[in-house]
Amino acid sequence: MNLFATLWQSLVTGDWNIELRSPVEWLATILSIYAFYWCIKKRPGCFIIFLVADVMWFITALAFHHWSLVAQQVVYLVMDGTGYAVWLSQQRVEDRGRDYLRSLEDEVMILSAKLEVLNDQQERRDEPGQEPPGH
């Protein structure tokens, strides 16, 4: 019986005779759902979890000769690797930007301290009763 007919029969009769062909499929399903959750949270580790789940899906698809799923998982595996590489490169750019911003902030702090010292010296010179330097 085809999948649609089986699903329809399960819905109509309420008989959910779920076959556990492979525990690996269920583990891959759970990992995929967890990876999507991490993706929503913008956690880069989602690519690694997706990679593990997709390898598991690839293996079970090969074992059960489910060729369209094999093809899909090959594409997903490439996307997992590409996504992780893109994330790493963007992370490096962001890290360099943060480092540059910190160095600018440090430079501003140093210049502010120097300016404060110069202002203090100028105020002391401008106080009444003080002779200008060199007299």
C-alpha atoms as a PDB file:
ATOM      1  CA  MET A   1       0.000   0.000   0.000  1.00  0.00           C
ATOM      2  CA  ASN A   2       1.368   3.417  -0.801  1.00  0.00           C
ATOM      3  CA  LEU A   3       2.256   5.921   1.903  1.00  0.00           C
ATOM      4  CA  PHE A   4      -0.727   8.217   1.286  1.00  0.00           C
ATOM      5  CA  ALA A   5      -3.197   5.331   1.468  1.00  0.00           C
ATOM      6  CA  THR A   6      -1.547   4.031   4.641  1.00  0.00           C
ATOM      7  CA  LEU A   7      -1.670   7.466   6.227  1.00  0.00           C
ATOM      8  CA  TRP A   8      -5.313   7.932   5.181  1.00  0.00           C
ATOM      9  CA  GLN A   9      -6.244   4.512   6.579  1.00  0.00           C
ATOM     10  CA  SER A  10      -4.490   5.362   9.871  1.00  0.00           C
ATOM     11  CA  LEU A  11      -6.372   8.645  10.115  1.00  0.00           C
ATOM     12  CA  VAL A  12      -9.752   7.067   9.360  1.00  0.00           C
ATOM     13  CA  THR A  13      -9.386   3.951  11.513  1.00  0.00           C
ATOM     14  CA  GLY A  14      -7.247   5.417  14.269  1.00  0.00           C
ATOM     15  CA  ASP A  15      -4.904   2.440  13.934  1.00  0.00           C
ATOM     16  CA  TRP A  16      -1.407   3.917  14.232  1.00  0.00           C
ATOM     17  CA  ASN A  17       0.611   0.781  13.700  1.00  0.00           C
ATOM     18  CA  ILE A  18       3.996   2.486  13.599  1.00  0.00           C
ATOM     19  CA  GLU A  19       6.771   0.211  12.473  1.00  0.00           C
ATOM     20  CA  LEU A  20      10.148   0.779  13.985  1.00  0.00           C
ATOM     21  CA  ARG A  21      12.198  -0.202  10.957  1.00  0.00           C
ATOM     22  CA  SER A  22      15.260   1.457  12.295  1.00  0.00           C
ATOM     23  CA  PRO A  23      15.921   3.114  15.643  1.00  0.00           C
ATOM     24  CA  VAL A  24      18.517   5.171  13.788  1.00  0.00           C
ATOM     25  CA  GLU A  25      15.705   6.895  11.860  1.00  0.00           C
ATOM     26  CA  TRP A  26      14.043   7.924  15.123  1.00  0.00           C
ATOM     27  CA  LEU A  27      17.323   9.159  16.556  1.00  0.00           C
ATOM     28  CA  ALA A  28      17.988  11.105  13.341  1.00  0.00           C
ATOM     29  CA  THR A  29      14.488  12.600  13.583  1.00  0.00           C
ATOM     30  CA  ILE A  30      15.066  13.704  17.173  1.00  0.00           C
ATOM     31  CA  LEU A  31      18.466  15.159  16.279  1.00  0.00           C
ATOM     32  CA  SER A  32      16.986  17.028  13.302  1.00  0.00           C
ATOM     33  CA  ILE A  33      14.291  18.570  15.490  1.00  0.00           C
ATOM     34  CA  TYR A  34      16.885  19.530  18.098  1.00  0.00           C
ATOM     35  CA  ALA A  35      19.088  21.052  15.379  1.00  0.00           C
ATOM     36  CA  PHE A  36      16.169  23.135  14.127  1.00  0.00           C
ATOM     37  CA  TYR A  37      15.665  24.394  17.686  1.00  0.00           C
ATOM     38  CA  TRP A  38      19.326  25.403  17.881  1.00  0.00           C
ATOM     39  CA  CYS A  39      18.988  27.040  14.473  1.00  0.00           C
ATOM     40  CA  ILE A  40      16.103  29.151  15.781  1.00  0.00           C
ATOM     41  CA  LYS A  41      18.311  30.123  18.730  1.00  0.00           C
ATOM     42  CA  LYS A  42      21.070  31.059  16.209  1.00  0.00           C
ATOM     43  CA  ARG A  43      23.510  28.576  17.690  1.00  0.00           C
ATOM     44  CA  PRO A  44      26.238  27.551  15.225  1.00  0.00           C
ATOM     45  CA  GLY A  45      26.366  24.047  16.685  1.00  0.00           C
ATOM     46  CA  CYS A  46      23.126  23.354  14.810  1.00  0.00           C
ATOM     47  CA  PHE A  47      25.211  22.671  11.692  1.00  0.00           C
ATOM     48  CA  ILE A  48      27.128  19.917  13.472  1.00  0.00           C
ATOM     49  CA  ILE A  49      23.920  18.363  14.839  1.00  0.00           C
ATOM     50  CA  PHE A  50      22.334  18.560  11.377  1.00  0.00           C
ATOM     51  CA  LEU A  51      25.451  16.921   9.944  1.00  0.00           C
ATOM     52  CA  VAL A  52      25.206  13.979  12.365  1.00  0.00           C
ATOM     53  CA  ALA A  53      21.451  13.576  11.757  1.00  0.00           C
ATOM     54  CA  ASP A  54      21.869  13.805   7.979  1.00  0.00           C
ATOM     55  CA  VAL A  55      24.633  11.174   7.995  1.00  0.00           C
ATOM     56  CA  MET A  56      22.265   8.895   9.917  1.00  0.00           C
ATOM     57  CA  TRP A  57      19.470   9.589   7.429  1.00  0.00           C
ATOM     58  CA  PHE A  58      21.882   8.939   4.550  1.00  0.00           C
ATOM     59  CA  ILE A  59      22.908   5.561   5.992  1.00  0.00           C
ATOM     60  CA  THR A  60      19.317   4.413   6.590  1.00  0.00           C
ATOM     61  CA  ALA A  61      18.228   5.660   3.171  1.00  0.00           C
ATOM     62  CA  LEU A  62      21.016   3.622   1.586  1.00  0.00           C
ATOM     63  CA  ALA A  63      20.150   0.572   3.663  1.00  0.00           C
ATOM     64  CA  PHE A  64      16.467   0.696   2.611  1.00  0.00           C
ATOM     65  CA  HIS A  65      17.208   1.708  -1.013  1.00  0.00           C
ATOM     66  CA  HIS A  66      15.302   4.974  -0.656  1.00  0.00           C
ATOM     67  CA  TRP A  67      17.152   6.759  -3.462  1.00  0.00           C
ATOM     68  CA  SER A  68      15.321  10.080  -3.370  1.00  0.00           C
ATOM     69  CA  LEU A  69      16.166  10.381   0.332  1.00  0.00           C
ATOM     70  CA  VAL A  70      19.797   9.465  -0.434  1.00  0.00           C
ATOM     71  CA  ALA A  71      19.929  12.309  -2.974  1.00  0.00           C
ATOM     72  CA  GLN A  72      18.274  14.705  -0.526  1.00  0.00           C
ATOM     73  CA  GLN A  73      20.751  13.833   2.215  1.00  0.00           C
ATOM     74  CA  VAL A  74      23.720  14.369  -0.100  1.00  0.00           C
ATOM     75  CA  VAL A  75      22.427  17.901  -0.744  1.00  0.00           C
ATOM     76  CA  TYR A  76      21.787  18.425   2.980  1.00  0.00           C
ATOM     77  CA  LEU A  77      25.302  17.251   3.854  1.00  0.00           C
ATOM     78  CA  VAL A  78      26.786  19.765   1.413  1.00  0.00           C
ATOM     79  CA  MET A  79      24.527  22.465   2.885  1.00  0.00           C
ATOM     80  CA  ASP A  80      25.594  21.522   6.435  1.00  0.00           C
ATOM     81  CA  GLY A  81      29.264  21.903   5.545  1.00  0.00           C
ATOM     82  CA  THR A  82      28.671  25.113   3.603  1.00  0.00           C
ATOM     83  CA  GLY A  83      26.552  26.628   6.372  1.00  0.00           C
ATOM     84  CA  TYR A  84      29.192  25.885   8.982  1.00  0.00           C
ATOM     85  CA  ALA A  85      31.981  27.309   6.791  1.00  0.00           C
ATOM     86  CA  VAL A  86      29.972  30.481   6.121  1.00  0.00           C
ATOM     87  CA  TRP A  87      29.221  30.855   9.817  1.00  0.00           C
ATOM     88  CA  LEU A  88      32.927  30.450  10.686  1.00  0.00           C
ATOM     89  CA  SER A  89      33.997  33.081   8.151  1.00  0.00           C
ATOM     90  CA  GLN A  90      31.337  35.533   9.363  1.00  0.00           C
ATOM     91  CA  GLN A  91      32.382  34.853  12.947  1.00  0.00           C
ATOM     92  CA  ARG A  92      35.994  35.679  12.080  1.00  0.00           C
ATOM     93  CA  VAL A  93      34.935  38.963  10.461  1.00  0.00           C
ATOM     94  CA  GLU A  94      32.836  39.847  13.516  1.00  0.00           C
ATOM     95  CA  ASP A  95      35.720  38.949  15.850  1.00  0.00           C
ATOM     96  CA  ARG A  96      38.121  41.177  13.877  1.00  0.00           C
ATOM     97  CA  GLY A  97      35.550  43.989  13.995  1.00  0.00           C
ATOM     98  CA  ARG A  98      35.168  43.623  17.771  1.00  0.00           C
ATOM     99  CA  ASP A  99      38.948  43.595  18.223  1.00  0.00           C
ATOM    100  CA  TYR A 100      39.283  46.751  16.117  1.00  0.00           C
ATOM    101  CA  LEU A 101      36.509  48.455  18.105  1.00  0.00           C
ATOM    102  CA  ARG A 102      38.241  47.528  21.386  1.00  0.00           C
ATOM    103  CA  SER A 103      41.535  48.961  20.120  1.00  0.00           C
ATOM    104  CA  LEU A 104      39.757  52.201  19.149  1.00  0.00           C
ATOM    105  CA  GLU A 105      38.103  52.370  22.572  1.00  0.00           C
ATOM    106  CA  ASP A 106      41.509  51.877  24.244  1.00  0.00           C
ATOM    107  CA  GLU A 107      42.990  54.631  22.080  1.00  0.00           C
ATOM    108  CA  VAL A 108      40.129  56.984  23.004  1.00  0.00           C
ATOM    109  CA  MET A 109      40.688  56.243  26.699  1.00  0.00           C
ATOM    110  CA  ILE A 110      44.418  57.020  26.381  1.00  0.00           C
ATOM    111  CA  LEU A 111      43.752  60.237  24.457  1.00  0.00           C
ATOM    112  CA  SER A 112      41.079  61.246  27.005  1.00  0.00           C
ATOM    113  CA  ALA A 113      43.549  60.752  29.845  1.00  0.00           C
ATOM    114  CA  LYS A 114      46.184  62.832  28.029  1.00  0.00           C
ATOM    115  CA  LEU A 115      43.638  65.560  27.318  1.00  0.00           C
ATOM    116  CA  GLU A 116      42.582  65.613  30.964  1.00  0.00           C
ATOM    117  CA  VAL A 117      46.215  66.048  32.057  1.00  0.00           C
ATOM    118  CA  LEU A 118      46.664  68.897  29.561  1.00  0.00           C
ATOM    119  CA  ASN A 119      43.452  70.564  30.754  1.00  0.00           C
ATOM    120  CA  ASP A 120      44.597  70.305  34.384  1.00  0.00           C
ATOM    121  CA  GLN A 121      47.931  71.878  33.481  1.00  0.00           C
ATOM    122  CA  GLN A 122      46.176  74.668  31.575  1.00  0.00           C
ATOM    123  CA  GLU A 123      43.811  75.359  34.495  1.00  0.00           C
ATOM    124  CA  ARG A 124      46.757  75.634  36.893  1.00  0.00           C
ATOM    125  CA  ARG A 125      48.462  78.130  34.576  1.00  0.00           C
ATOM    126  CA  ASP A 126      45.280  80.159  34.238  1.00  0.00           C
ATOM    127  CA  GLU A 127      44.700  80.458  38.008  1.00  0.00           C
ATOM    128  CA  PRO A 128      45.127  84.028  39.333  1.00  0.00           C
ATOM    129  CA  GLY A 129      48.438  84.696  40.971  1.00  0.00           C
ATOM    130  CA  GLN A 130      50.247  82.105  38.895  1.00  0.00           C
ATOM    131  CA  GLU A 131      53.083  83.301  36.762  1.00  0.00           C
ATOM    132  CA  PRO A 132      53.326  81.933  33.245  1.00  0.00           C
ATOM    133  CA  PRO A 133      56.119  79.388  32.879  1.00  0.00           C
ATOM    134  CA  GLY A 134      59.523  80.780  31.958  1.00  0.00           C
ATOM    135  CA  HIS A 135      59.318  84.091  33.901  1.00  0.00           C
END
